[in-house]
Protein backbone atom coordinates (compact mmCIF):
# COMPACT_ATOMS: atom_id res chain seq x y z
CA MET A 1 3.17 -14.22 -104.77
CA SER A 2 1.67 -12.59 -101.73
CA ARG A 3 4.09 -10.26 -100.00
CA ASP A 4 3.83 -8.63 -96.57
CA SER A 5 6.24 -6.41 -94.72
CA GLY A 6 6.14 -7.10 -90.99
CA SER A 7 7.05 -4.50 -88.40
CA ALA A 8 8.24 -4.94 -84.85
CA GLY A 9 5.08 -3.29 -83.58
CA THR A 10 2.75 -6.17 -84.49
CA GLY A 11 3.56 -7.92 -81.20
CA ALA A 12 1.67 -10.77 -79.60
CA ALA A 13 -1.68 -9.70 -81.02
CA GLU A 14 -0.98 -11.45 -84.32
CA ALA A 15 -0.65 -14.86 -82.77
CA ALA A 16 -3.84 -15.53 -80.81
CA GLY A 17 -6.22 -16.18 -83.67
CA ALA A 18 -3.61 -18.38 -85.27
CA ILE A 19 -3.29 -20.42 -82.08
CA GLU A 20 -7.06 -20.89 -82.04
CA ALA A 21 -6.96 -21.99 -85.66
CA ILE A 22 -4.16 -24.44 -84.92
CA GLY A 23 -6.15 -25.91 -82.05
CA ALA A 24 -9.31 -26.19 -84.13
CA ILE A 25 -7.55 -28.02 -86.93
CA ALA A 26 -5.68 -30.29 -84.53
CA GLY A 27 -8.93 -31.19 -82.81
CA SER A 28 -10.89 -31.84 -85.96
CA GLY A 29 -8.77 -34.58 -87.46
CA VAL A 30 -10.01 -33.57 -90.94
CA ALA A 31 -10.15 -30.38 -92.92
CA GLN A 32 -12.44 -28.03 -91.07
CA GLY A 33 -12.76 -24.72 -92.92
CA THR A 34 -11.95 -21.89 -90.56
CA GLY A 35 -13.13 -19.28 -93.02
CA GLY A 36 -9.88 -17.45 -92.36
CA GLY A 37 -7.50 -18.87 -94.94
CA TRP A 38 -4.45 -16.63 -94.74
CA ARG A 39 -6.14 -14.18 -92.40
CA ARG A 40 -4.42 -12.98 -89.22
CA GLY A 41 -5.98 -13.30 -85.78
CA ALA A 42 -6.03 -10.93 -82.80
CA GLY A 43 -5.57 -11.30 -79.05
CA VAL A 44 -2.88 -12.81 -76.85
CA ALA A 45 -1.02 -16.04 -77.62
CA GLY A 46 -1.19 -17.21 -74.02
CA ALA A 47 1.28 -19.87 -73.05
CA ALA A 48 3.55 -19.45 -76.04
CA LEU A 49 4.35 -15.80 -75.51
CA GLY A 50 4.08 -15.97 -71.75
CA VAL A 51 7.35 -17.86 -71.89
CA LEU A 52 8.90 -14.90 -73.68
CA ALA A 53 7.73 -12.47 -71.02
CA ALA A 54 8.99 -14.70 -68.21
CA GLY A 55 12.63 -14.03 -69.01
CA ALA A 56 12.28 -10.37 -69.89
CA ALA A 57 12.35 -8.88 -66.40
CA VAL A 58 15.43 -10.82 -65.37
CA GLY A 59 17.07 -10.12 -68.71
CA VAL A 60 16.61 -6.36 -68.54
CA ALA A 61 17.73 -6.21 -64.90
CA VAL A 62 20.88 -8.19 -65.59
CA GLU A 63 21.68 -6.20 -68.73
CA ARG A 64 21.99 -3.06 -66.59
CA LEU A 65 24.74 -4.72 -64.60
CA THR A 66 26.93 -5.58 -67.57
CA VAL A 67 29.79 -3.19 -66.91
CA GLY A 68 33.18 -4.82 -67.37
CA ARG A 69 34.17 -8.40 -68.10
CA GLY A 70 33.50 -9.79 -64.64
CA MET A 71 30.02 -8.38 -64.49
CA ARG A 72 29.27 -9.57 -67.99
CA ARG A 73 30.32 -13.08 -67.00
CA LYS A 74 28.07 -12.93 -63.93
CA ALA A 75 25.25 -11.64 -66.12
CA ARG A 76 25.61 -14.58 -68.50
CA LEU A 77 25.54 -17.02 -65.60
CA ALA A 78 22.43 -15.33 -64.19
CA LEU A 79 20.68 -15.48 -67.55
CA ASP A 80 21.68 -19.12 -67.99
CA SER A 81 20.15 -20.06 -64.65
CA ALA A 82 17.01 -17.92 -64.94
CA GLY A 83 16.12 -18.20 -68.61
CA PRO A 84 13.28 -20.65 -69.30
CA TYR A 85 14.21 -21.16 -72.94
CA GLY A 86 15.05 -24.59 -74.33
CA THR A 87 13.48 -26.43 -71.41
CA LEU A 88 10.59 -28.11 -73.26
CA ARG A 89 11.04 -31.84 -73.81
CA GLY A 90 8.97 -34.44 -75.64
CA THR A 91 9.00 -38.19 -76.04
CA PRO A 92 12.56 -39.05 -77.13
CA GLY A 93 13.52 -41.28 -80.01
CA THR A 94 16.48 -42.11 -82.22
CA VAL A 95 16.80 -43.32 -85.76
CA VAL A 96 19.90 -44.61 -87.52
CA ALA A 97 20.85 -42.70 -90.67
CA GLU A 98 22.22 -44.39 -93.79
CA ASP A 99 25.83 -44.14 -92.56
CA GLY A 100 25.05 -45.37 -89.04
CA THR A 101 24.82 -41.92 -87.42
CA ARG A 102 22.20 -41.91 -84.69
CA LEU A 103 19.78 -39.00 -85.07
CA TYR A 104 17.88 -37.78 -82.03
CA TYR A 105 14.28 -36.55 -82.20
CA GLU A 106 11.42 -35.78 -79.86
CA VAL A 107 7.68 -36.04 -80.43
CA ASP A 108 5.08 -33.83 -78.78
CA GLU A 109 1.81 -35.75 -78.75
CA PRO A 110 -1.41 -33.74 -78.42
CA GLY A 111 -3.20 -33.79 -75.10
CA GLY A 112 -1.62 -36.88 -73.64
CA PRO A 113 -3.18 -40.33 -73.77
CA GLU A 114 -6.69 -39.28 -72.71
CA GLY A 115 -8.93 -36.26 -73.02
CA PRO A 116 -11.35 -34.76 -70.49
CA ASP A 117 -14.02 -37.31 -71.37
CA GLY A 118 -11.68 -40.26 -70.92
CA GLU A 119 -11.50 -40.87 -74.64
CA ALA A 120 -8.16 -41.07 -76.44
CA GLN A 121 -7.31 -37.92 -78.38
CA ALA A 122 -8.27 -39.06 -81.86
CA PRO A 123 -11.51 -37.20 -82.69
CA VAL A 124 -12.13 -38.65 -86.14
CA SER A 125 -11.64 -42.21 -84.96
CA ARG A 126 -14.30 -41.68 -82.30
CA ARG A 127 -17.12 -40.85 -84.70
CA LEU A 128 -19.72 -43.58 -84.78
CA PHE A 129 -21.33 -44.86 -87.96
CA GLY A 130 -24.19 -47.28 -87.37
CA GLY A 131 -22.79 -48.22 -83.99
CA ARG A 132 -19.33 -48.87 -85.42
CA ARG A 133 -16.30 -46.69 -84.96
CA ALA A 134 -14.80 -45.13 -88.01
CA PRO A 135 -11.18 -46.03 -88.76
CA ALA A 136 -8.72 -43.63 -87.16
CA ALA A 137 -7.45 -40.90 -89.41
CA PRO A 138 -3.70 -40.43 -89.06
CA PRO A 139 -2.91 -37.19 -87.27
CA LEU A 140 -1.32 -34.17 -88.87
CA THR A 141 2.31 -33.76 -87.78
CA VAL A 142 4.41 -30.61 -87.99
CA VAL A 143 8.10 -31.45 -88.51
CA PHE A 144 10.66 -28.81 -87.52
CA SER A 145 14.21 -28.77 -88.97
CA HIS A 146 16.66 -26.36 -87.33
CA GLY A 147 19.54 -24.36 -88.73
CA TYR A 148 23.34 -24.44 -88.73
CA CYS A 149 24.97 -24.37 -85.27
CA LEU A 150 21.58 -24.61 -83.54
CA SER A 151 19.42 -27.45 -82.25
CA GLN A 152 15.76 -28.38 -81.94
CA ASP A 153 15.59 -26.10 -78.90
CA SER A 154 15.74 -23.07 -81.22
CA TRP A 155 12.01 -23.72 -81.84
CA HIS A 156 11.18 -23.08 -78.18
CA PHE A 157 8.39 -20.54 -78.72
CA GLN A 158 6.77 -22.34 -81.62
CA ARG A 159 6.93 -25.57 -79.66
CA ALA A 160 5.17 -23.96 -76.70
CA ALA A 161 2.44 -22.63 -79.00
CA LEU A 162 1.76 -25.90 -80.78
CA ARG A 163 1.87 -27.81 -77.52
CA ALA A 164 -0.72 -25.44 -76.05
CA ALA A 165 -2.88 -25.88 -79.16
CA GLY A 166 -2.65 -29.68 -79.09
CA VAL A 167 -0.78 -30.22 -82.35
CA ARG A 168 1.40 -33.25 -82.91
CA ALA A 169 4.94 -32.07 -83.66
CA VAL A 170 8.36 -33.60 -84.28
CA PHE A 171 11.59 -31.80 -83.42
CA TRP A 172 14.94 -33.28 -84.36
CA ASP A 173 18.63 -32.47 -84.09
CA GLN A 174 20.58 -32.53 -87.32
CA ARG A 175 23.65 -34.75 -87.31
CA SER A 176 26.53 -33.39 -85.21
CA HIS A 177 24.13 -30.92 -83.58
CA GLY A 178 22.25 -31.01 -80.29
CA ARG A 179 21.73 -34.54 -78.97
CA SER A 180 22.36 -36.29 -82.27
CA GLU A 181 25.54 -38.26 -82.78
CA ARG A 182 28.57 -36.77 -84.48
CA SER A 183 28.42 -37.53 -88.18
CA ARG A 184 30.12 -40.78 -89.11
CA THR A 185 30.51 -39.41 -92.63
CA GLU A 186 33.19 -36.75 -93.01
CA ALA A 187 31.94 -35.38 -96.34
CA VAL A 188 28.58 -33.97 -95.24
CA SER A 189 26.15 -32.35 -97.68
CA ILE A 190 22.69 -30.85 -97.86
CA ASP A 191 21.60 -33.94 -99.80
CA LEU A 192 22.73 -36.11 -96.89
CA PHE A 193 20.70 -33.94 -94.52
CA GLY A 194 17.65 -34.44 -96.75
CA ARG A 195 18.04 -38.20 -96.41
CA ASP A 196 18.39 -37.76 -92.66
CA LEU A 197 15.07 -35.89 -92.60
CA ARG A 198 13.41 -38.73 -94.50
CA ALA A 199 14.72 -41.19 -91.90
CA VAL A 200 13.28 -39.06 -89.08
CA ILE A 201 9.91 -38.79 -90.82
CA ASP A 202 9.79 -42.54 -91.40
CA ALA A 203 10.50 -43.15 -87.71
CA ALA A 204 8.51 -40.39 -86.03
CA ALA A 205 5.67 -39.68 -88.48
CA PRO A 206 5.35 -42.69 -90.80
CA GLU A 207 1.80 -41.82 -91.84
CA GLY A 208 -0.57 -38.90 -91.96
CA PRO A 209 -0.39 -35.37 -93.35
CA LEU A 210 2.77 -33.36 -92.77
CA VAL A 211 3.63 -29.69 -92.45
CA LEU A 212 7.38 -29.11 -92.94
CA VAL A 213 9.04 -26.14 -91.22
CA GLY A 214 12.69 -25.35 -91.84
CA HIS A 215 14.98 -22.53 -90.74
CA SER A 216 18.21 -21.73 -92.60
CA MET A 217 20.01 -25.09 -93.06
CA GLY A 218 16.74 -26.76 -92.06
CA GLY A 219 14.95 -25.13 -94.99
CA MET A 220 17.68 -26.35 -97.31
CA THR A 221 17.27 -29.82 -95.79
CA THR A 222 13.56 -29.65 -96.64
CA MET A 223 14.42 -28.73 -100.25
CA ALA A 224 16.81 -31.68 -100.47
CA LEU A 225 14.05 -33.98 -99.23
CA ALA A 226 11.78 -32.64 -101.97
CA ALA A 227 14.44 -33.19 -104.65
CA GLN A 228 14.89 -36.79 -103.54
CA HIS A 229 11.29 -37.69 -102.71
CA PRO A 230 8.85 -35.54 -104.69
CA GLY A 231 6.25 -38.26 -104.27
CA LEU A 232 6.33 -37.86 -100.50
CA ILE A 233 5.75 -34.13 -100.87
CA ALA A 234 2.86 -34.68 -103.29
CA GLU A 235 1.17 -37.39 -101.24
CA ARG A 236 1.62 -36.27 -97.65
CA VAL A 237 2.84 -32.69 -97.27
CA VAL A 238 0.01 -30.17 -96.84
CA GLY A 239 2.02 -27.02 -96.08
CA THR A 240 5.57 -25.73 -95.83
CA ALA A 241 7.34 -22.85 -94.10
CA PHE A 242 10.77 -21.61 -95.14
CA LEU A 243 12.36 -19.29 -92.59
CA GLY A 244 15.56 -17.35 -93.23
CA THR A 245 16.78 -19.81 -95.82
CA SER A 246 18.02 -20.05 -99.40
CA SER A 247 17.53 -22.18 -102.49
CA GLY A 248 21.08 -21.45 -103.72
CA GLY A 249 23.62 -18.80 -104.62
CA LEU A 250 25.13 -18.51 -101.15
CA ALA A 251 28.65 -18.68 -102.55
CA GLU A 252 28.20 -15.01 -103.48
CA ASN A 253 27.03 -13.90 -100.04
CA THR A 254 29.33 -11.32 -98.41
CA TYR A 255 27.86 -11.66 -94.88
CA GLY A 256 27.60 -7.91 -94.53
CA LEU A 257 31.24 -7.30 -95.50
CA PRO A 258 32.49 -5.39 -98.55
CA ALA A 259 32.69 -7.75 -101.54
CA ALA A 260 36.45 -7.27 -101.94
CA GLY A 261 37.04 -7.90 -98.24
CA MET A 262 34.93 -11.06 -98.25
CA SER A 263 36.85 -12.32 -101.28
CA LEU A 264 40.09 -11.98 -99.35
CA VAL A 265 38.59 -13.69 -96.32
CA ARG A 266 37.47 -16.63 -98.46
CA ARG A 267 40.86 -17.01 -100.13
CA LEU A 268 43.28 -16.20 -97.35
CA VAL A 269 41.58 -16.58 -94.00
CA LEU A 270 38.90 -19.26 -94.03
CA PRO A 271 40.94 -22.18 -95.46
CA GLY A 272 43.60 -21.86 -92.77
CA ALA A 273 41.08 -21.18 -90.03
CA PHE A 274 38.95 -24.21 -90.90
CA LYS A 275 42.05 -26.39 -91.15
CA LEU A 276 43.09 -25.32 -87.66
CA MET A 277 39.56 -25.79 -86.32
CA THR A 278 39.61 -29.36 -87.62
CA ALA A 279 43.17 -30.22 -86.57
CA ARG A 280 43.23 -28.44 -83.17
CA PRO A 281 39.63 -28.01 -82.04
CA GLU A 282 40.61 -27.93 -78.36
CA LEU A 283 42.89 -24.94 -79.00
CA ILE A 284 40.17 -23.05 -80.86
CA GLU A 285 37.58 -23.89 -78.20
CA LYS A 286 39.90 -22.47 -75.56
CA GLY A 287 40.31 -19.30 -77.58
CA ARG A 288 36.57 -19.02 -78.09
CA ARG A 289 36.01 -19.17 -74.34
CA ALA A 290 38.74 -16.61 -73.70
CA THR A 291 37.16 -14.15 -76.14
CA ALA A 292 33.57 -14.82 -75.08
CA ASP A 293 32.66 -11.12 -74.92
CA LEU A 294 33.87 -10.40 -78.45
CA PHE A 295 32.35 -13.64 -79.71
CA ALA A 296 29.00 -12.74 -78.13
CA GLY A 297 28.99 -9.40 -79.91
CA VAL A 298 29.62 -11.07 -83.27
CA LEU A 299 26.89 -13.63 -82.64
CA ARG A 300 24.39 -10.94 -81.76
CA TRP A 301 25.27 -8.98 -84.89
CA TYR A 302 24.63 -11.99 -87.11
CA SER A 303 21.60 -13.30 -85.20
CA PHE A 304 19.32 -10.33 -84.52
CA GLY A 305 18.30 -7.14 -86.28
CA SER A 306 16.74 -5.22 -83.41
CA LYS A 307 18.37 -3.71 -80.32
CA ASP A 308 15.29 -4.51 -78.27
CA VAL A 309 15.61 -8.30 -78.10
CA ASP A 310 15.21 -9.77 -74.62
CA PRO A 311 18.76 -10.29 -73.26
CA ALA A 312 17.73 -13.73 -72.03
CA VAL A 313 16.79 -14.70 -75.59
CA VAL A 314 20.09 -13.33 -76.87
CA ARG A 315 21.99 -15.34 -74.28
CA PHE A 316 19.94 -18.44 -75.13
CA SER A 317 20.95 -18.13 -78.78
CA GLU A 318 24.60 -17.77 -77.74
CA ARG A 319 24.37 -20.98 -75.75
CA LEU A 320 22.92 -22.86 -78.70
CA ILE A 321 25.72 -21.71 -80.98
CA GLU A 322 28.45 -22.20 -78.37
CA ALA A 323 27.31 -25.82 -77.96
CA THR A 324 28.30 -26.59 -81.55
CA PRO A 325 31.90 -27.88 -81.61
CA VAL A 326 34.24 -25.77 -83.74
CA ASP A 327 35.24 -28.70 -85.96
CA VAL A 328 31.56 -29.21 -86.77
CA VAL A 329 31.34 -25.51 -87.67
CA ALA A 330 34.28 -26.02 -90.05
CA ALA A 331 32.95 -29.26 -91.56
CA PHE A 332 29.47 -27.94 -92.27
CA TYR A 333 30.30 -24.46 -93.58
CA PRO A 334 31.35 -25.54 -97.13
CA VAL A 335 28.02 -27.26 -97.83
CA PHE A 336 26.22 -23.93 -98.18
CA ALA A 337 28.25 -22.77 -101.17
CA GLU A 338 27.41 -26.06 -102.89
CA HIS A 339 23.68 -25.87 -102.14
CA GLU A 340 21.51 -25.36 -105.26
CA LYS A 341 17.91 -26.51 -104.95
CA ARG A 342 15.80 -24.01 -106.87
CA GLU A 343 14.39 -26.77 -109.10
CA ALA A 344 13.36 -28.76 -106.03
CA LEU A 345 10.97 -25.97 -105.06
CA ARG A 346 8.63 -27.08 -107.85
CA ALA A 347 7.52 -29.92 -105.59
CA PHE A 348 5.80 -27.33 -103.37
CA GLU A 349 3.88 -25.52 -106.13
CA HIS A 350 0.55 -27.11 -105.21
CA LEU A 351 0.86 -26.35 -101.49
CA PRO A 352 0.31 -23.46 -99.10
CA VAL A 353 3.80 -22.05 -98.52
CA VAL A 354 4.99 -19.20 -96.33
CA VAL A 355 8.45 -17.64 -96.68
CA VAL A 356 9.69 -15.48 -93.80
CA ALA A 357 12.93 -13.51 -93.55
CA GLY A 358 14.42 -10.59 -91.70
CA ASP A 359 15.40 -7.47 -93.59
CA LYS A 360 18.67 -7.36 -91.59
CA ASP A 361 19.60 -11.01 -92.09
CA LEU A 362 23.28 -11.08 -93.06
CA LEU A 363 23.56 -14.89 -93.34
CA THR A 364 20.69 -15.58 -95.73
CA PRO A 365 19.72 -12.10 -96.92
CA GLY A 366 16.15 -11.24 -97.88
CA GLU A 367 16.79 -11.57 -101.61
CA HIS A 368 17.23 -15.32 -101.09
CA SER A 369 13.73 -15.54 -99.65
CA GLU A 370 12.48 -13.37 -102.49
CA ALA A 371 13.99 -15.88 -104.92
CA ILE A 372 12.11 -18.71 -103.21
CA ALA A 373 8.86 -16.75 -103.43
CA GLU A 374 9.48 -15.99 -107.10
CA ALA A 375 9.82 -19.71 -107.76
CA LEU A 376 6.54 -20.27 -105.86
CA PRO A 377 4.22 -17.48 -107.06
CA ASP A 378 1.39 -18.49 -104.72
CA ALA A 379 3.60 -18.39 -101.63
CA ARG A 380 3.23 -15.71 -98.99
CA LEU A 381 6.44 -13.73 -98.47
CA LEU A 382 7.09 -11.73 -95.32
CA LEU A 383 10.19 -9.55 -95.00
CA LEU A 384 10.20 -8.43 -91.38
CA GLU A 385 11.61 -5.03 -90.48
CA ASP A 386 14.47 -4.74 -87.99
CA THR A 387 14.81 -8.52 -87.87
CA GLY A 388 17.87 -10.70 -88.28
CA HIS A 389 18.62 -14.34 -89.02
CA LEU A 390 17.07 -15.98 -85.96
CA VAL A 391 13.56 -14.91 -86.90
CA MET A 392 11.84 -17.63 -84.85
CA LEU A 393 13.51 -16.28 -81.68
CA GLU A 394 13.43 -12.56 -82.49
CA ARG A 395 9.86 -12.48 -83.83
CA PRO A 396 8.26 -15.61 -82.38
CA GLU A 397 4.73 -14.18 -82.45
CA VAL A 398 4.90 -13.61 -86.21
CA VAL A 399 6.21 -17.11 -86.89
CA ILE A 400 3.53 -18.62 -84.65
CA ALA A 401 0.83 -16.64 -86.46
CA GLN A 402 2.12 -17.77 -89.83
CA LEU A 403 2.10 -21.41 -88.75
CA GLY A 404 -1.53 -21.01 -87.70
CA ASP A 405 -2.39 -19.40 -91.02
CA LEU A 406 -0.50 -22.14 -92.85
CA LEU A 407 -2.54 -24.85 -91.19
CA ALA A 408 -5.73 -22.93 -91.83
CA ALA A 409 -4.81 -22.53 -95.52
CA ALA A 410 -4.08 -26.24 -95.81
CA ALA A 411 -7.49 -27.00 -94.33
CA ASP A 412 -9.38 -24.44 -96.42
CA GLY A 413 -7.77 -25.71 -99.60
CA GLY A 414 -8.57 -29.33 -98.80
CA ALA A 415 -4.89 -30.29 -98.68
CA LEU A 416 -5.21 -31.65 -95.16
CA GLU A 417 -8.12 -33.88 -96.08
CA ARG A 418 -6.36 -35.09 -99.25
CA GLY A 419 -3.28 -35.96 -97.20
CA GLN A 420 -5.36 -37.98 -94.77
CA ARG A 421 -7.14 -39.81 -97.57
CA ALA A 422 -3.81 -40.61 -99.26
CA ALA A 423 -2.38 -41.92 -96.01
CA ALA A 424 -5.50 -44.00 -95.33
CA GLY A 425 -5.30 -45.40 -98.86
CA ALA A 426 -1.66 -46.30 -98.37
CA ARG A 427 -2.57 -48.20 -95.21
CA GLY A 428 -5.32 -50.00 -97.10
CA ARG A 429 -2.90 -51.09 -99.83
CA ALA A 430 -0.22 -52.26 -97.40
């Protein structure tokens, strides 16, 4: 197990080399050794982190005005109108899950239909052998699975980076979240989410190598997919990233509260609260709006570890969470105590894996990421200082750099090329 401790001072410099590596691998179509492996790059991440800077000036200016409830409300409205986050859109698609729930996804295709030379963006398929074109190699696709009470838009910075680097990527909304349909099954589970992910992959990336990226509930969804379809992991997956997630044991999490206090909350408060959220969601939604200031403070406490997060990013995260209906919050919460997928991690033993967590994450504390890394001794573990649960929003440059390193490691180890050969063989047998 490789372990690093990230600090807030690393900044954008970590990401640039990774972006270059991502672009090189995306453009090659096959495993092209970068010589870097797990090495970090240096420079500026360009478009990806420029988006972060765009909201900072407005965010800081508005934050200074937040004196009193009225001004705070005006500040939120200003941040909502000025913040650029969550605005990236791809080619939309839907797939029907096993219970009839319609799942929404978007695909970012690299470079559009044609490149600068007028040729379609499929470099390997354009190599000539004796005057004949080689068969097209299926492209690598990075599939992003978001967390509880979020949506695919939570990957805004990583999406900007991969789009700038020309990487094919799939972003989807878990059932009852974002633009996906409300679950038609009342008894939801992590296993059900794993089957949803398989349906999205079959629809949006039916062939070619895959890199799976999951945050929180999305990481658990990835583990469920591995438990159900280890053959898919072995044949097509060439790298995996687990961000702020857990392989089990969340029933014992105290969420930053004293153990005795959390025990009382579980026994006396949560059952009644969830029952009310399910029976009278409109009443609870009204109360949530009325206590927006208090609610925002709680969300910030559980989302971020640093006091220096761009206010526009903080507000963006609030909007994502506020968009999740309270009865969905109640219906999904119990699945985490039932989640146990440590054995499923064995499916990733042969792959480059990166595990990233914040040292101030109260929802999936760092020891859960340490447990994942212990089960995968060759994985890289990063526990980031002064960082909370929403690591991809609080430390986007680190996550972007790790994705670049992950793709480079897959290429250096030959996993990317093996995945393309396996996919080509599957097409030949069909």
